[in-house]
Amino acid sequence: MLSLVIVLLAVYGLIIFLWQLNRKFHNSTTNLLPNLIVIVGHASQWIEWFVRQLSLQMYTQGQDVQDVFIVDLSASDETAMIISKLSIRFPFVTYIPSSTARCWTDVSNLLETSQRDQTLVVKINDEGDMRQVLRMLSHFEV
């Protein structure tokens, strides 16, 4: 009985492995996911969840997350510390401390230096906005 369970788990693992390989090699090399510039303020409560959810969501769609710039308008809270720790685990995250006065200058500089054709700029104020952005990004497909 135990050997049957082990065989079934091995077959399941092999199927998942082959499915992932197929998806990786048969997707086109052009990723339609845009650069993402996220403007936040006082986001320490939910920014980690957002980055992790974004990474997981794009992985399940077979996409690699490219360049997520987080422009923080409130350098006074612990958002900077959280994002710097996240950028070690998720190399696609770049933290940009900013202010309300400099925000659009910083975004403009990012747009000028972007190497991708598309860039999505969003301002997230709370968890509801965050969920809407994740829902919107789920429509970008390879």
N, C-alpha and C. Protein backbone atom coordinates (compact mmCIF):
# COMPACT_ATOMS: atom_id res chain seq x y z
N MET A 1 0.82 -1.20 0.00
CA MET A 1 0.00 0.00 0.00
C MET A 1 0.87 1.26 0.00
N LEU A 2 1.90 1.26 0.82
CA LEU A 2 2.79 2.40 0.90
C LEU A 2 3.53 2.61 -0.42
N SER A 3 3.92 1.52 -1.05
CA SER A 3 4.62 1.64 -2.34
C SER A 3 3.70 2.23 -3.41
N LEU A 4 2.42 1.93 -3.35
CA LEU A 4 1.46 2.50 -4.31
C LEU A 4 1.35 4.01 -4.13
N VAL A 5 1.33 4.47 -2.89
CA VAL A 5 1.27 5.90 -2.61
C VAL A 5 2.54 6.58 -3.12
N ILE A 6 3.68 5.96 -2.89
CA ILE A 6 4.94 6.53 -3.34
C ILE A 6 4.99 6.60 -4.86
N VAL A 7 4.52 5.57 -5.53
CA VAL A 7 4.49 5.57 -6.99
C VAL A 7 3.56 6.65 -7.51
N LEU A 8 2.39 6.81 -6.91
CA LEU A 8 1.44 7.84 -7.34
C LEU A 8 2.02 9.24 -7.14
N LEU A 9 2.69 9.47 -6.02
CA LEU A 9 3.32 10.77 -5.79
C LEU A 9 4.45 11.03 -6.78
N ALA A 10 5.20 10.01 -7.10
CA ALA A 10 6.28 10.16 -8.07
C ALA A 10 5.73 10.47 -9.46
N VAL A 11 4.67 9.81 -9.86
CA VAL A 11 4.04 10.07 -11.16
C VAL A 11 3.47 11.49 -11.18
N TYR A 12 2.83 11.90 -10.09
CA TYR A 12 2.29 13.26 -10.00
C TYR A 12 3.42 14.29 -10.12
N GLY A 13 4.51 14.06 -9.40
CA GLY A 13 5.66 14.97 -9.48
C GLY A 13 6.24 15.03 -10.88
N LEU A 14 6.33 13.90 -11.55
CA LEU A 14 6.84 13.86 -12.93
C LEU A 14 5.92 14.63 -13.88
N ILE A 15 4.63 14.48 -13.71
CA ILE A 15 3.67 15.21 -14.56
C ILE A 15 3.81 16.71 -14.35
N ILE A 16 3.89 17.14 -13.11
CA ILE A 16 4.05 18.57 -12.82
C ILE A 16 5.36 19.09 -13.40
N PHE A 17 6.44 18.33 -13.25
CA PHE A 17 7.74 18.72 -13.79
C PHE A 17 7.68 18.87 -15.31
N LEU A 18 7.09 17.90 -15.99
CA LEU A 18 6.99 17.97 -17.45
C LEU A 18 6.09 19.12 -17.89
N TRP A 19 5.03 19.37 -17.15
CA TRP A 19 4.14 20.48 -17.48
C TRP A 19 4.88 21.81 -17.36
N GLN A 20 5.66 21.97 -16.29
CA GLN A 20 6.44 23.20 -16.11
C GLN A 20 7.48 23.37 -17.22
N LEU A 21 8.16 22.29 -17.59
CA LEU A 21 9.14 22.35 -18.68
C LEU A 21 8.47 22.74 -19.99
N ASN A 22 7.34 22.13 -20.27
CA ASN A 22 6.61 22.43 -21.50
C ASN A 22 6.20 23.90 -21.53
N ARG A 23 5.69 24.38 -20.44
CA ARG A 23 5.26 25.78 -20.36
C ARG A 23 6.45 26.73 -20.50
N LYS A 24 7.57 26.36 -19.92
CA LYS A 24 8.76 27.22 -19.97
C LYS A 24 9.33 27.31 -21.39
N PHE A 25 9.38 26.19 -22.10
CA PHE A 25 10.02 26.17 -23.41
C PHE A 25 9.09 26.48 -24.57
N HIS A 26 7.80 26.37 -24.38
CA HIS A 26 6.88 26.62 -25.48
C HIS A 26 6.23 28.00 -25.44
N ASN A 27 6.44 28.73 -24.36
CA ASN A 27 5.96 30.11 -24.34
C ASN A 27 6.86 30.95 -25.22
N SER A 28 6.29 31.97 -25.82
CA SER A 28 7.11 32.84 -26.65
C SER A 28 8.13 33.56 -25.77
N THR A 29 9.20 33.99 -26.37
CA THR A 29 10.24 34.66 -25.61
C THR A 29 9.87 36.10 -25.29
N THR A 30 8.85 36.60 -25.92
CA THR A 30 8.43 37.97 -25.65
C THR A 30 7.47 37.97 -24.48
N ASN A 31 7.83 38.64 -23.43
CA ASN A 31 6.99 38.74 -22.26
C ASN A 31 6.20 40.03 -22.37
N LEU A 32 4.88 39.92 -22.34
CA LEU A 32 4.04 41.10 -22.49
C LEU A 32 3.83 41.84 -21.18
N LEU A 33 4.36 41.31 -20.10
CA LEU A 33 4.21 41.99 -18.82
C LEU A 33 5.03 43.27 -18.83
N PRO A 34 4.41 44.39 -18.53
CA PRO A 34 5.14 45.67 -18.56
C PRO A 34 6.00 45.85 -17.32
N ASN A 35 6.91 46.83 -17.40
CA ASN A 35 7.54 47.31 -16.18
C ASN A 35 6.42 47.79 -15.28
N LEU A 36 6.63 47.72 -14.01
CA LEU A 36 5.60 48.17 -13.08
C LEU A 36 6.21 49.19 -12.14
N ILE A 37 5.64 50.39 -12.14
CA ILE A 37 6.03 51.43 -11.20
C ILE A 37 4.87 51.59 -10.22
N VAL A 38 5.14 51.27 -8.97
CA VAL A 38 4.11 51.31 -7.94
C VAL A 38 4.43 52.46 -7.01
N ILE A 39 3.51 53.40 -6.91
CA ILE A 39 3.66 54.55 -6.01
C ILE A 39 2.87 54.24 -4.75
N VAL A 40 3.56 54.26 -3.61
CA VAL A 40 2.92 53.92 -2.34
C VAL A 40 3.23 54.99 -1.30
N GLY A 41 2.43 54.99 -0.27
CA GLY A 41 2.66 55.84 0.90
C GLY A 41 2.18 55.09 2.12
N HIS A 42 3.01 54.98 3.14
CA HIS A 42 2.66 54.25 4.37
C HIS A 42 2.15 52.85 4.04
N ALA A 43 2.97 52.07 3.37
CA ALA A 43 2.56 50.75 2.88
C ALA A 43 3.14 49.61 3.70
N SER A 44 3.64 49.90 4.87
CA SER A 44 4.30 48.84 5.64
C SER A 44 3.36 47.70 6.02
N GLN A 45 2.07 47.97 6.08
CA GLN A 45 1.11 46.94 6.47
C GLN A 45 0.90 45.88 5.39
N TRP A 46 1.05 46.24 4.11
CA TRP A 46 0.68 45.30 3.05
C TRP A 46 1.68 45.16 1.91
N ILE A 47 2.79 45.89 1.90
CA ILE A 47 3.70 45.86 0.76
C ILE A 47 4.36 44.50 0.59
N GLU A 48 4.70 43.84 1.68
CA GLU A 48 5.31 42.52 1.56
C GLU A 48 4.33 41.53 0.95
N TRP A 49 3.09 41.56 1.38
CA TRP A 49 2.09 40.67 0.82
C TRP A 49 1.92 40.95 -0.68
N PHE A 50 1.93 42.22 -1.06
CA PHE A 50 1.78 42.59 -2.47
C PHE A 50 2.90 41.99 -3.31
N VAL A 51 4.14 42.15 -2.89
CA VAL A 51 5.28 41.64 -3.67
C VAL A 51 5.24 40.12 -3.76
N ARG A 52 4.97 39.47 -2.66
CA ARG A 52 4.91 38.00 -2.67
C ARG A 52 3.75 37.51 -3.55
N GLN A 53 2.61 38.15 -3.44
CA GLN A 53 1.45 37.75 -4.25
C GLN A 53 1.72 38.00 -5.73
N LEU A 54 2.35 39.12 -6.06
CA LEU A 54 2.69 39.42 -7.44
C LEU A 54 3.64 38.36 -8.00
N SER A 55 4.64 38.00 -7.25
CA SER A 55 5.59 36.98 -7.68
C SER A 55 4.90 35.63 -7.90
N LEU A 56 4.07 35.23 -6.97
CA LEU A 56 3.35 33.97 -7.09
C LEU A 56 2.39 33.98 -8.27
N GLN A 57 1.67 35.07 -8.42
CA GLN A 57 0.69 35.18 -9.51
C GLN A 57 1.37 35.09 -10.87
N MET A 58 2.48 35.78 -11.05
CA MET A 58 3.18 35.74 -12.33
C MET A 58 3.81 34.37 -12.58
N TYR A 59 4.28 33.72 -11.51
CA TYR A 59 4.85 32.38 -11.66
C TYR A 59 3.78 31.40 -12.13
N THR A 60 2.59 31.47 -11.56
CA THR A 60 1.53 30.55 -11.96
C THR A 60 1.06 30.81 -13.39
N GLN A 61 1.28 32.02 -13.89
CA GLN A 61 0.95 32.32 -15.27
C GLN A 61 2.10 31.99 -16.22
N GLY A 62 3.21 31.52 -15.67
CA GLY A 62 4.36 31.17 -16.50
C GLY A 62 5.19 32.36 -16.93
N GLN A 63 5.12 33.44 -16.19
CA GLN A 63 5.86 34.64 -16.53
C GLN A 63 6.90 34.94 -15.46
N ASP A 64 7.95 35.58 -15.87
CA ASP A 64 8.94 36.07 -14.92
C ASP A 64 8.65 37.54 -14.67
N VAL A 65 8.61 37.92 -13.42
CA VAL A 65 8.37 39.32 -13.08
C VAL A 65 9.60 40.12 -13.48
N GLN A 66 9.37 41.20 -14.16
CA GLN A 66 10.45 42.07 -14.61
C GLN A 66 10.29 43.42 -13.94
N ASP A 67 11.31 43.95 -13.39
CA ASP A 67 11.41 45.33 -12.94
C ASP A 67 10.15 45.90 -12.29
N VAL A 68 10.07 45.76 -11.00
CA VAL A 68 9.01 46.41 -10.23
C VAL A 68 9.69 47.50 -9.41
N PHE A 69 9.37 48.74 -9.71
CA PHE A 69 9.93 49.89 -9.00
C PHE A 69 8.90 50.37 -7.99
N ILE A 70 9.29 50.41 -6.73
CA ILE A 70 8.37 50.87 -5.70
C ILE A 70 8.82 52.26 -5.26
N VAL A 71 8.03 53.26 -5.63
CA VAL A 71 8.32 54.66 -5.28
C VAL A 71 7.57 54.94 -3.98
N ASP A 72 8.34 55.16 -2.93
CA ASP A 72 7.77 55.34 -1.60
C ASP A 72 7.69 56.82 -1.26
N LEU A 73 6.48 57.31 -1.05
CA LEU A 73 6.27 58.72 -0.71
C LEU A 73 6.45 59.00 0.76
N SER A 74 6.50 57.97 1.57
CA SER A 74 6.59 58.17 3.02
C SER A 74 7.81 57.44 3.57
N ALA A 75 8.94 58.04 3.45
CA ALA A 75 10.17 57.41 3.94
C ALA A 75 10.22 57.37 5.46
N SER A 76 9.19 57.87 6.12
CA SER A 76 9.21 57.94 7.58
C SER A 76 8.84 56.63 8.25
N ASP A 77 8.10 55.75 7.58
CA ASP A 77 7.72 54.50 8.24
C ASP A 77 8.68 53.38 7.87
N GLU A 78 8.35 52.17 8.23
CA GLU A 78 9.27 51.05 8.03
C GLU A 78 9.14 50.41 6.64
N THR A 79 8.46 51.05 5.73
CA THR A 79 8.34 50.53 4.36
C THR A 79 9.71 50.33 3.73
N ALA A 80 10.62 51.26 3.93
CA ALA A 80 11.96 51.15 3.35
C ALA A 80 12.68 49.90 3.82
N MET A 81 12.59 49.61 5.11
CA MET A 81 13.24 48.42 5.65
C MET A 81 12.62 47.15 5.07
N ILE A 82 11.32 47.12 4.98
CA ILE A 82 10.63 45.93 4.46
C ILE A 82 11.01 45.70 3.00
N ILE A 83 10.99 46.76 2.20
CA ILE A 83 11.29 46.62 0.78
C ILE A 83 12.75 46.25 0.56
N SER A 84 13.65 46.79 1.36
CA SER A 84 15.06 46.42 1.19
C SER A 84 15.28 44.94 1.50
N LYS A 85 14.58 44.40 2.48
CA LYS A 85 14.67 42.97 2.76
C LYS A 85 14.04 42.16 1.62
N LEU A 86 12.93 42.65 1.08
CA LEU A 86 12.28 41.95 -0.03
C LEU A 86 13.14 41.95 -1.28
N SER A 87 13.90 43.02 -1.51
CA SER A 87 14.71 43.11 -2.72
C SER A 87 15.85 42.09 -2.71
N ILE A 88 16.21 41.60 -1.55
CA ILE A 88 17.21 40.52 -1.48
C ILE A 88 16.58 39.21 -1.96
N ARG A 89 15.37 38.93 -1.52
CA ARG A 89 14.67 37.70 -1.89
C ARG A 89 14.10 37.77 -3.30
N PHE A 90 13.63 38.94 -3.69
CA PHE A 90 13.02 39.15 -5.01
C PHE A 90 13.83 40.20 -5.75
N PRO A 91 14.76 39.79 -6.61
CA PRO A 91 15.66 40.74 -7.27
C PRO A 91 14.98 41.68 -8.26
N PHE A 92 13.73 41.44 -8.59
CA PHE A 92 13.03 42.33 -9.51
C PHE A 92 12.53 43.60 -8.83
N VAL A 93 12.59 43.66 -7.50
CA VAL A 93 12.10 44.81 -6.74
C VAL A 93 13.21 45.85 -6.58
N THR A 94 12.87 47.09 -6.91
CA THR A 94 13.78 48.22 -6.71
C THR A 94 13.05 49.27 -5.88
N TYR A 95 13.68 49.67 -4.78
CA TYR A 95 13.09 50.66 -3.89
C TYR A 95 13.59 52.05 -4.26
N ILE A 96 12.66 52.99 -4.38
CA ILE A 96 13.01 54.37 -4.70
C ILE A 96 12.35 55.29 -3.66
N PRO A 97 13.14 55.81 -2.72
CA PRO A 97 12.56 56.75 -1.76
C PRO A 97 12.26 58.06 -2.49
N SER A 98 11.13 58.62 -2.20
CA SER A 98 10.71 59.84 -2.89
C SER A 98 9.92 60.71 -1.92
N SER A 99 9.25 61.70 -2.48
CA SER A 99 8.35 62.55 -1.70
C SER A 99 7.23 62.99 -2.63
N THR A 100 6.23 63.59 -2.07
CA THR A 100 5.11 64.04 -2.89
C THR A 100 5.57 65.06 -3.92
N ALA A 101 6.51 65.92 -3.55
CA ALA A 101 7.00 66.95 -4.47
C ALA A 101 7.84 66.37 -5.60
N ARG A 102 8.60 65.33 -5.32
CA ARG A 102 9.51 64.74 -6.31
C ARG A 102 8.93 63.55 -7.05
N CYS A 103 7.79 63.06 -6.65
CA CYS A 103 7.25 61.80 -7.14
C CYS A 103 7.24 61.71 -8.66
N TRP A 104 6.65 62.67 -9.33
CA TRP A 104 6.49 62.56 -10.78
C TRP A 104 7.81 62.79 -11.51
N THR A 105 8.75 63.49 -10.91
CA THR A 105 10.08 63.60 -11.49
C THR A 105 10.78 62.25 -11.44
N ASP A 106 10.65 61.55 -10.32
CA ASP A 106 11.24 60.22 -10.20
C ASP A 106 10.59 59.24 -11.19
N VAL A 107 9.28 59.30 -11.31
CA VAL A 107 8.59 58.42 -12.25
C VAL A 107 9.01 58.74 -13.68
N SER A 108 9.12 60.01 -14.01
CA SER A 108 9.56 60.41 -15.34
C SER A 108 10.96 59.89 -15.65
N ASN A 109 11.86 59.96 -14.68
CA ASN A 109 13.21 59.41 -14.87
C ASN A 109 13.18 57.91 -15.11
N LEU A 110 12.33 57.21 -14.38
CA LEU A 110 12.20 55.76 -14.59
C LEU A 110 11.66 55.45 -15.98
N LEU A 111 10.69 56.24 -16.43
CA LEU A 111 10.12 56.01 -17.76
C LEU A 111 11.15 56.26 -18.86
N GLU A 112 12.00 57.25 -18.68
CA GLU A 112 13.02 57.56 -19.68
C GLU A 112 14.07 56.47 -19.77
N THR A 113 14.40 55.85 -18.65
CA THR A 113 15.44 54.83 -18.65
C THR A 113 14.92 53.42 -18.85
N SER A 114 13.62 53.28 -19.01
CA SER A 114 13.02 51.96 -19.19
C SER A 114 13.50 51.31 -20.47
N GLN A 115 13.79 50.02 -20.39
CA GLN A 115 14.24 49.28 -21.56
C GLN A 115 13.11 48.46 -22.18
N ARG A 116 11.94 48.50 -21.59
CA ARG A 116 10.80 47.75 -22.11
C ARG A 116 9.86 48.70 -22.83
N ASP A 117 9.06 48.13 -23.71
CA ASP A 117 8.13 48.94 -24.49
C ASP A 117 6.98 49.49 -23.65
N GLN A 118 6.56 48.73 -22.66
CA GLN A 118 5.40 49.12 -21.88
C GLN A 118 5.78 49.30 -20.42
N THR A 119 5.19 50.31 -19.81
CA THR A 119 5.36 50.53 -18.38
C THR A 119 4.00 50.88 -17.80
N LEU A 120 3.66 50.22 -16.72
CA LEU A 120 2.41 50.47 -16.04
C LEU A 120 2.72 51.23 -14.76
N VAL A 121 2.11 52.41 -14.60
CA VAL A 121 2.30 53.24 -13.41
C VAL A 121 1.00 53.20 -12.61
N VAL A 122 1.10 52.76 -11.36
CA VAL A 122 -0.08 52.69 -10.50
C VAL A 122 0.23 53.32 -9.15
N LYS A 123 -0.77 53.91 -8.58
CA LYS A 123 -0.65 54.44 -7.21
C LYS A 123 -1.56 53.60 -6.33
N ILE A 124 -0.97 53.02 -5.31
CA ILE A 124 -1.72 52.15 -4.41
C ILE A 124 -1.79 52.81 -3.05
N ASN A 125 -3.02 53.05 -2.59
CA ASN A 125 -3.22 53.70 -1.30
C ASN A 125 -3.58 52.72 -0.19
N ASP A 126 -4.19 51.60 -0.57
CA ASP A 126 -4.62 50.65 0.46
C ASP A 126 -4.71 49.25 -0.14
N GLU A 127 -5.17 48.31 0.66
CA GLU A 127 -5.23 46.92 0.22
C GLU A 127 -6.24 46.72 -0.91
N GLY A 128 -7.29 47.50 -0.95
CA GLY A 128 -8.26 47.38 -2.05
C GLY A 128 -7.64 47.74 -3.39
N ASP A 129 -6.86 48.83 -3.40
CA ASP A 129 -6.14 49.21 -4.63
C ASP A 129 -5.16 48.11 -5.04
N MET A 130 -4.49 47.53 -4.04
CA MET A 130 -3.50 46.49 -4.29
C MET A 130 -4.17 45.29 -4.98
N ARG A 131 -5.31 44.90 -4.50
CA ARG A 131 -6.02 43.76 -5.11
C ARG A 131 -6.45 44.07 -6.54
N GLN A 132 -6.85 45.30 -6.80
CA GLN A 132 -7.23 45.69 -8.15
C GLN A 132 -6.03 45.64 -9.09
N VAL A 133 -4.87 46.07 -8.63
CA VAL A 133 -3.67 46.02 -9.46
C VAL A 133 -3.31 44.57 -9.77
N LEU A 134 -3.36 43.70 -8.77
CA LEU A 134 -3.05 42.29 -9.00
C LEU A 134 -4.04 41.67 -9.98
N ARG A 135 -5.30 42.04 -9.86
CA ARG A 135 -6.32 41.54 -10.80
C ARG A 135 -6.03 42.02 -12.22
N MET A 136 -5.64 43.28 -12.34
CA MET A 136 -5.33 43.85 -13.65
C MET A 136 -4.11 43.16 -14.26
N LEU A 137 -3.09 42.90 -13.46
CA LEU A 137 -1.88 42.26 -13.97
C LEU A 137 -2.14 40.81 -14.38
N SER A 138 -3.16 40.19 -13.84
CA SER A 138 -3.46 38.82 -14.22
C SER A 138 -3.93 38.72 -15.67
N HIS A 139 -4.30 39.85 -16.27
CA HIS A 139 -4.77 39.84 -17.66
C HIS A 139 -3.64 39.96 -18.66
N PHE A 140 -2.43 40.25 -18.21
CA PHE A 140 -1.28 40.28 -19.10
C PHE A 140 -0.80 38.85 -19.28
N GLU A 141 -0.83 38.38 -20.50
CA GLU A 141 -0.43 36.99 -20.76
C GLU A 141 0.71 36.96 -21.75
N VAL A 142 1.44 35.86 -21.65
CA VAL A 142 2.52 35.63 -22.61
C VAL A 142 1.93 35.08 -23.88
